[in-house]
Amino acid sequence: MIFKETQRFTQWWLWVILLATVAPFVYGIYQQIIIKEPFGNNPLSNAGLIAVTLFTSSILVLFAYMRLETKIDAHGISMRYVPFIKKNIPWGEVASAKVVKYGFVGYGIRLGSKFGTVYNTKGNKGLALVLQNGKKLCIGTQRPKELEQIISKISHQKNIPQ
């Protein structure tokens, strides 16, 4: 393994938003189901309140579980956006590779930027790849300098343009 990076959603403001979305419904369950007082002026049924709480909580759990994993070795690039995407790209399929700075494209999986599909958890730097079939993708990184050195070395060894 030449390079390995695991990124998670660690932005404090994101977790404040997620917790602020879930907290009222958890309190609503406590108030309406545990202490038997209706939650709000026009309360949901108990089943409805539980369903909304489970839905909003599942989004929070999803963000806690999601991560972007990048692995680079002599065979190629492996990228996982857990739990959604898994890609293995052999060096023979890579037409060009370079570390780039991109404008803010949002977080998650973004389609249609000039770098193709962008996989990002935070920041604005990533490994931009153009594949032999013309497809483009960009994998976000928090370690651009280290990644740039590794890509430069591999590009020279494998004759891949930067």
Foldseek 3Di string as FASTA:
>chain_A
DLDKDKFAQPDPVVVVVLCVQQVLLVVQCCVCVVVNDARDPDGDPNVVSVVSNVVSVVVVVCRVPWMWMWDQDLQAIWIDGPPPDTDGDGPQFWQAKAKDFADDPDAAWHADDPQGIEHHNDHGIFIWTQTPVGHIYTYDDPPRVSVRVVRVVSCVVSVHHD
